Amino acid sequence: MRQDARENRERILAAADRVFGAQGEAGSTEEVARLAGVGIATVFRHFPTKEALIEAALVRHFTGLLDQTRTATAAPDPATAFSALVRDMIERGASKLTLASMLGEPPPAVVTVAGELKAAVATALRRAQAAGAVRADVDVEEIYLLIRGLAQTTAAAPVSPAVLDRAIDVILTGFATR
């Protein structure tokens, strides 16, 4: 793929995440094209259907988090890296949930990368626990439950960034060793 085509694809996926993540079904491919700065034909050349575009945006979302998580597992300060990861997953979670809800049954590519992400988050969690920063009795399932809970809440009823930031602080404090 040519460099300009790769750049167009990335801009389209970023725009799709913003448009569909915020507007759900009401979002349009035309709005995605406008936001990406390309024509609608370019969008459909890369993604022949709206569903293909949404699936690719969701895979991009998970892949970005997976890259961030892998970086966190190698960070010199596992506690700070883990906290930043949880914070980002919560802050971006509403968009992910909205995209996922538009697909119904998750496609295999989404299931695969989501599974890889969860395994990497578990590794980052174990590193933070080994450093003594996160309680030993916290499991990745509890982490995901709390991330999903805040993400679903903010997807249904958006809150101010300050309120969300404080709520995330409460969760992170609950994970911390006493």
C-alpha atoms as a PDB file:
ATOM      1  CA  MET A   1       0.000   0.000   0.000  1.00  0.00           C
ATOM      2  CA  ARG A   2       1.335   3.430  -0.915  1.00  0.00           C
ATOM      3  CA  GLN A   3       2.262   5.839   1.871  1.00  0.00           C
ATOM      4  CA  ASP A   4      -0.541   8.278   1.004  1.00  0.00           C
ATOM      5  CA  ALA A   5      -3.063   5.434   0.973  1.00  0.00           C
ATOM      6  CA  ARG A   6      -1.844   4.287   4.428  1.00  0.00           C
ATOM      7  CA  GLU A   7      -2.147   7.842   5.720  1.00  0.00           C
ATOM      8  CA  ASN A   8      -5.668   8.159   4.278  1.00  0.00           C
ATOM      9  CA  ARG A   9      -6.646   4.848   5.860  1.00  0.00           C
ATOM     10  CA  GLU A  10      -5.356   5.966   9.253  1.00  0.00           C
ATOM     11  CA  ARG A  11      -7.176   9.316   9.024  1.00  0.00           C
ATOM     12  CA  ILE A  12     -10.376   7.523   8.017  1.00  0.00           C
ATOM     13  CA  LEU A  13     -10.115   5.115  10.966  1.00  0.00           C
ATOM     14  CA  ALA A  14      -9.410   7.946  13.412  1.00  0.00           C
ATOM     15  CA  ALA A  15     -12.389   9.864  12.041  1.00  0.00           C
ATOM     16  CA  ALA A  16     -14.612   6.760  12.221  1.00  0.00           C
ATOM     17  CA  ASP A  17     -13.658   6.292  15.863  1.00  0.00           C
ATOM     18  CA  ARG A  18     -14.632   9.885  16.616  1.00  0.00           C
ATOM     19  CA  VAL A  19     -17.826   9.958  14.532  1.00  0.00           C
ATOM     20  CA  PHE A  20     -19.271   6.544  15.350  1.00  0.00           C
ATOM     21  CA  GLY A  21     -17.863   6.522  18.875  1.00  0.00           C
ATOM     22  CA  ALA A  22     -19.725   9.748  19.636  1.00  0.00           C
ATOM     23  CA  GLN A  23     -22.818   9.394  17.443  1.00  0.00           C
ATOM     24  CA  GLY A  24     -23.340   5.646  17.157  1.00  0.00           C
ATOM     25  CA  GLU A  25     -25.752   4.617  14.408  1.00  0.00           C
ATOM     26  CA  ALA A  26     -26.525   8.288  13.708  1.00  0.00           C
ATOM     27  CA  GLY A  27     -22.953   8.777  12.471  1.00  0.00           C
ATOM     28  CA  SER A  28     -22.449   8.664   8.727  1.00  0.00           C
ATOM     29  CA  THR A  29     -19.678   7.638   6.395  1.00  0.00           C
ATOM     30  CA  GLU A  30     -20.037  11.073   4.793  1.00  0.00           C
ATOM     31  CA  GLU A  31     -19.162  12.700   8.130  1.00  0.00           C
ATOM     32  CA  VAL A  32     -16.214  10.312   8.470  1.00  0.00           C
ATOM     33  CA  ALA A  33     -14.972  11.323   5.017  1.00  0.00           C
ATOM     34  CA  ARG A  34     -15.382  15.035   5.798  1.00  0.00           C
ATOM     35  CA  LEU A  35     -13.543  14.730   9.116  1.00  0.00           C
ATOM     36  CA  ALA A  36     -10.760  12.655   7.524  1.00  0.00           C
ATOM     37  CA  GLY A  37     -10.378  15.174   4.711  1.00  0.00           C
ATOM     38  CA  VAL A  38     -11.053  12.636   1.958  1.00  0.00           C
ATOM     39  CA  GLY A  39     -13.852  11.943  -0.474  1.00  0.00           C
ATOM     40  CA  ILE A  40     -16.546   9.386   0.225  1.00  0.00           C
ATOM     41  CA  ALA A  41     -15.168   7.236  -2.629  1.00  0.00           C
ATOM     42  CA  THR A  42     -11.851   7.027  -0.777  1.00  0.00           C
ATOM     43  CA  VAL A  43     -13.630   5.795   2.337  1.00  0.00           C
ATOM     44  CA  PHE A  44     -15.431   3.091   0.360  1.00  0.00           C
ATOM     45  CA  ARG A  45     -12.280   2.151  -1.541  1.00  0.00           C
ATOM     46  CA  HIS A  46     -10.690   1.242   1.801  1.00  0.00           C
ATOM     47  CA  PHE A  47     -13.858  -0.047   3.491  1.00  0.00           C
ATOM     48  CA  PRO A  48     -16.589  -1.343   1.164  1.00  0.00           C
ATOM     49  CA  THR A  49     -19.279  -1.235   3.870  1.00  0.00           C
ATOM     50  CA  LYS A  50     -20.038   0.799   6.964  1.00  0.00           C
ATOM     51  CA  GLU A  51     -19.721  -2.398   9.003  1.00  0.00           C
ATOM     52  CA  ALA A  52     -16.227  -3.045   7.616  1.00  0.00           C
ATOM     53  CA  LEU A  53     -15.257   0.499   8.579  1.00  0.00           C
ATOM     54  CA  ILE A  54     -16.629   0.107  12.107  1.00  0.00           C
ATOM     55  CA  GLU A  55     -14.909  -3.270  12.537  1.00  0.00           C
ATOM     56  CA  ALA A  56     -11.580  -1.822  11.393  1.00  0.00           C
ATOM     57  CA  ALA A  57     -12.003   1.168  13.733  1.00  0.00           C
ATOM     58  CA  LEU A  58     -12.668  -1.193  16.637  1.00  0.00           C
ATOM     59  CA  VAL A  59      -9.647  -3.354  15.778  1.00  0.00           C
ATOM     60  CA  ARG A  60      -7.581  -0.130  15.590  1.00  0.00           C
ATOM     61  CA  HIS A  61      -8.896   0.870  19.029  1.00  0.00           C
ATOM     62  CA  PHE A  62      -7.889  -2.448  20.602  1.00  0.00           C
ATOM     63  CA  THR A  63      -4.559  -2.548  18.757  1.00  0.00           C
ATOM     64  CA  GLY A  64      -3.670   0.924  20.039  1.00  0.00           C
ATOM     65  CA  LEU A  65      -4.456  -0.127  23.589  1.00  0.00           C
ATOM     66  CA  LEU A  66      -2.510  -3.355  23.087  1.00  0.00           C
ATOM     67  CA  ASP A  67       0.550  -1.388  21.964  1.00  0.00           C
ATOM     68  CA  GLN A  68       0.185   0.902  24.978  1.00  0.00           C
ATOM     69  CA  THR A  69      -0.195  -2.087  27.291  1.00  0.00           C
ATOM     70  CA  ARG A  70       2.912  -3.781  25.912  1.00  0.00           C
ATOM     71  CA  THR A  71       4.806  -0.549  26.515  1.00  0.00           C
ATOM     72  CA  ALA A  72       3.424  -0.452  30.069  1.00  0.00           C
ATOM     73  CA  THR A  73       4.648  -3.988  30.738  1.00  0.00           C
ATOM     74  CA  ALA A  74       8.195  -2.879  29.951  1.00  0.00           C
ATOM     75  CA  ALA A  75       8.067   0.529  31.663  1.00  0.00           C
ATOM     76  CA  PRO A  76      10.583   1.214  34.433  1.00  0.00           C
ATOM     77  CA  ASP A  77       7.774   2.330  36.774  1.00  0.00           C
ATOM     78  CA  PRO A  78       5.082  -0.382  36.563  1.00  0.00           C
ATOM     79  CA  ALA A  79       2.750   1.439  38.988  1.00  0.00           C
ATOM     80  CA  THR A  80       2.598   4.653  36.963  1.00  0.00           C
ATOM     81  CA  ALA A  81       2.345   2.732  33.701  1.00  0.00           C
ATOM     82  CA  PHE A  82      -0.507   0.588  35.022  1.00  0.00           C
ATOM     83  CA  SER A  83      -2.420   3.597  36.345  1.00  0.00           C
ATOM     84  CA  ALA A  84      -2.021   5.427  33.029  1.00  0.00           C
ATOM     85  CA  LEU A  85      -3.233   2.334  31.179  1.00  0.00           C
ATOM     86  CA  VAL A  86      -6.364   1.932  33.317  1.00  0.00           C
ATOM     87  CA  ARG A  87      -7.098   5.647  33.003  1.00  0.00           C
ATOM     88  CA  ASP A  88      -6.794   5.530  29.198  1.00  0.00           C
ATOM     89  CA  MET A  89      -8.929   2.402  28.919  1.00  0.00           C
ATOM     90  CA  ILE A  90     -11.700   4.061  30.929  1.00  0.00           C
ATOM     91  CA  GLU A  91     -11.481   7.375  29.076  1.00  0.00           C
ATOM     92  CA  ARG A  92     -11.623   5.643  25.670  1.00  0.00           C
ATOM     93  CA  GLY A  93     -14.056   2.939  26.742  1.00  0.00           C
ATOM     94  CA  ALA A  94     -17.295   4.737  25.903  1.00  0.00           C
ATOM     95  CA  SER A  95     -16.241   5.080  22.271  1.00  0.00           C
ATOM     96  CA  LYS A  96     -15.231   1.410  22.129  1.00  0.00           C
ATOM     97  CA  LEU A  97     -18.537   0.267  23.583  1.00  0.00           C
ATOM     98  CA  THR A  98     -20.482   2.384  21.117  1.00  0.00           C
ATOM     99  CA  LEU A  99     -18.522   0.967  18.180  1.00  0.00           C
ATOM    100  CA  ALA A 100     -18.924  -2.599  19.463  1.00  0.00           C
ATOM    101  CA  SER A 101     -22.669  -2.169  19.925  1.00  0.00           C
ATOM    102  CA  MET A 102     -22.990  -1.293  16.241  1.00  0.00           C
ATOM    103  CA  LEU A 103     -21.543  -4.649  15.162  1.00  0.00           C
ATOM    104  CA  GLY A 104     -23.703  -7.049  17.151  1.00  0.00           C
ATOM    105  CA  GLU A 105     -21.683 -10.263  17.359  1.00  0.00           C
ATOM    106  CA  PRO A 106     -17.996  -9.302  17.529  1.00  0.00           C
ATOM    107  CA  PRO A 107     -16.045 -10.341  14.419  1.00  0.00           C
ATOM    108  CA  PRO A 108     -13.134 -12.789  14.878  1.00  0.00           C
ATOM    109  CA  ALA A 109     -10.477 -10.081  14.364  1.00  0.00           C
ATOM    110  CA  VAL A 110     -12.000  -8.044  17.198  1.00  0.00           C
ATOM    111  CA  VAL A 111     -12.237 -11.075  19.500  1.00  0.00           C
ATOM    112  CA  THR A 112      -8.603 -11.980  18.829  1.00  0.00           C
ATOM    113  CA  VAL A 113      -7.111  -8.556  19.536  1.00  0.00           C
ATOM    114  CA  ALA A 114      -9.408  -8.029  22.560  1.00  0.00           C
ATOM    115  CA  GLY A 115      -8.135 -11.328  24.006  1.00  0.00           C
ATOM    116  CA  GLU A 116      -4.532 -10.310  23.409  1.00  0.00           C
ATOM    117  CA  LEU A 117      -5.231  -6.996  25.121  1.00  0.00           C
ATOM    118  CA  LYS A 118      -6.737  -8.663  28.194  1.00  0.00           C
ATOM    119  CA  ALA A 119      -3.734 -10.974  28.517  1.00  0.00           C
ATOM    120  CA  ALA A 120      -1.363  -8.001  28.244  1.00  0.00           C
ATOM    121  CA  VAL A 121      -3.365  -6.054  30.843  1.00  0.00           C
ATOM    122  CA  ALA A 122      -3.051  -9.061  33.171  1.00  0.00           C
ATOM    123  CA  THR A 123       0.725  -8.957  32.676  1.00  0.00           C
ATOM    124  CA  ALA A 124       0.852  -5.212  33.415  1.00  0.00           C
ATOM    125  CA  LEU A 125      -1.265  -5.828  36.515  1.00  0.00           C
ATOM    126  CA  ARG A 126       1.078  -8.568  37.766  1.00  0.00           C
ATOM    127  CA  ARG A 127       4.070  -6.252  37.274  1.00  0.00           C
ATOM    128  CA  ALA A 128       2.367  -3.494  39.275  1.00  0.00           C
ATOM    129  CA  GLN A 129       1.519  -6.041  41.972  1.00  0.00           C
ATOM    130  CA  ALA A 130       5.091  -7.342  42.043  1.00  0.00           C
ATOM    131  CA  ALA A 131       6.282  -3.756  42.540  1.00  0.00           C
ATOM    132  CA  GLY A 132       3.973  -3.510  45.552  1.00  0.00           C
ATOM    133  CA  ALA A 133       1.792  -0.807  43.996  1.00  0.00           C
ATOM    134  CA  VAL A 134      -1.423  -2.790  43.446  1.00  0.00           C
ATOM    135  CA  ARG A 135      -3.146  -5.049  45.937  1.00  0.00           C
ATOM    136  CA  ALA A 136      -2.353  -8.726  45.447  1.00  0.00           C
ATOM    137  CA  ASP A 137      -6.035  -9.693  45.662  1.00  0.00           C
ATOM    138  CA  VAL A 138      -6.976  -7.665  42.564  1.00  0.00           C
ATOM    139  CA  ASP A 139      -7.523  -9.716  39.421  1.00  0.00           C
ATOM    140  CA  VAL A 140      -7.795  -8.672  35.776  1.00  0.00           C
ATOM    141  CA  GLU A 141     -11.510  -9.569  35.860  1.00  0.00           C
ATOM    142  CA  GLU A 142     -12.140  -6.921  38.533  1.00  0.00           C
ATOM    143  CA  ILE A 143     -10.081  -4.411  36.566  1.00  0.00           C
ATOM    144  CA  TYR A 144     -12.162  -5.072  33.451  1.00  0.00           C
ATOM    145  CA  LEU A 145     -15.442  -4.943  35.367  1.00  0.00           C
ATOM    146  CA  LEU A 146     -14.639  -1.498  36.747  1.00  0.00           C
ATOM    147  CA  ILE A 147     -13.332  -0.214  33.418  1.00  0.00           C
ATOM    148  CA  ARG A 148     -16.460  -1.484  31.670  1.00  0.00           C
ATOM    149  CA  GLY A 149     -18.712  -0.042  34.371  1.00  0.00           C
ATOM    150  CA  LEU A 150     -17.347   3.479  34.063  1.00  0.00           C
ATOM    151  CA  ALA A 151     -17.180   3.225  30.277  1.00  0.00           C
ATOM    152  CA  GLN A 152     -20.817   2.119  30.033  1.00  0.00           C
ATOM    153  CA  THR A 153     -21.902   4.854  32.413  1.00  0.00           C
ATOM    154  CA  THR A 154     -20.135   7.575  30.461  1.00  0.00           C
ATOM    155  CA  ALA A 155     -21.403   6.180  27.159  1.00  0.00           C
ATOM    156  CA  ALA A 156     -24.996   6.360  28.432  1.00  0.00           C
ATOM    157  CA  ALA A 157     -24.708   9.692  30.242  1.00  0.00           C
ATOM    158  CA  PRO A 158     -21.551  11.669  29.487  1.00  0.00           C
ATOM    159  CA  VAL A 159     -19.978  13.460  32.448  1.00  0.00           C
ATOM    160  CA  SER A 160     -17.496  16.291  32.674  1.00  0.00           C
ATOM    161  CA  PRO A 161     -13.833  15.369  32.327  1.00  0.00           C
ATOM    162  CA  ALA A 162     -13.225  16.532  35.926  1.00  0.00           C
ATOM    163  CA  VAL A 163     -15.885  14.177  37.323  1.00  0.00           C
ATOM    164  CA  LEU A 164     -14.573  11.262  35.267  1.00  0.00           C
ATOM    165  CA  ASP A 165     -11.015  12.041  36.363  1.00  0.00           C
ATOM    166  CA  ARG A 166     -12.048  11.949  40.040  1.00  0.00           C
ATOM    167  CA  ALA A 167     -13.981   8.704  39.548  1.00  0.00           C
ATOM    168  CA  ILE A 168     -10.903   7.124  37.963  1.00  0.00           C
ATOM    169  CA  ASP A 169      -8.817   8.328  40.911  1.00  0.00           C
ATOM    170  CA  VAL A 170     -11.239   6.590  43.288  1.00  0.00           C
ATOM    171  CA  ILE A 171     -10.861   3.319  41.367  1.00  0.00           C
ATOM    172  CA  LEU A 172      -7.077   3.584  41.234  1.00  0.00           C
ATOM    173  CA  THR A 173      -6.982   4.306  44.977  1.00  0.00           C
ATOM    174  CA  GLY A 174      -9.051   1.169  45.552  1.00  0.00           C
ATOM    175  CA  PHE A 175      -6.475  -0.902  43.640  1.00  0.00           C
ATOM    176  CA  ALA A 176      -3.544   0.527  45.575  1.00  0.00           C
ATOM    177  CA  THR A 177      -1.863  -1.358  48.371  1.00  0.00           C
ATOM    178  CA  ARG A 178      -2.779  -0.062  51.782  1.00  0.00           C
END
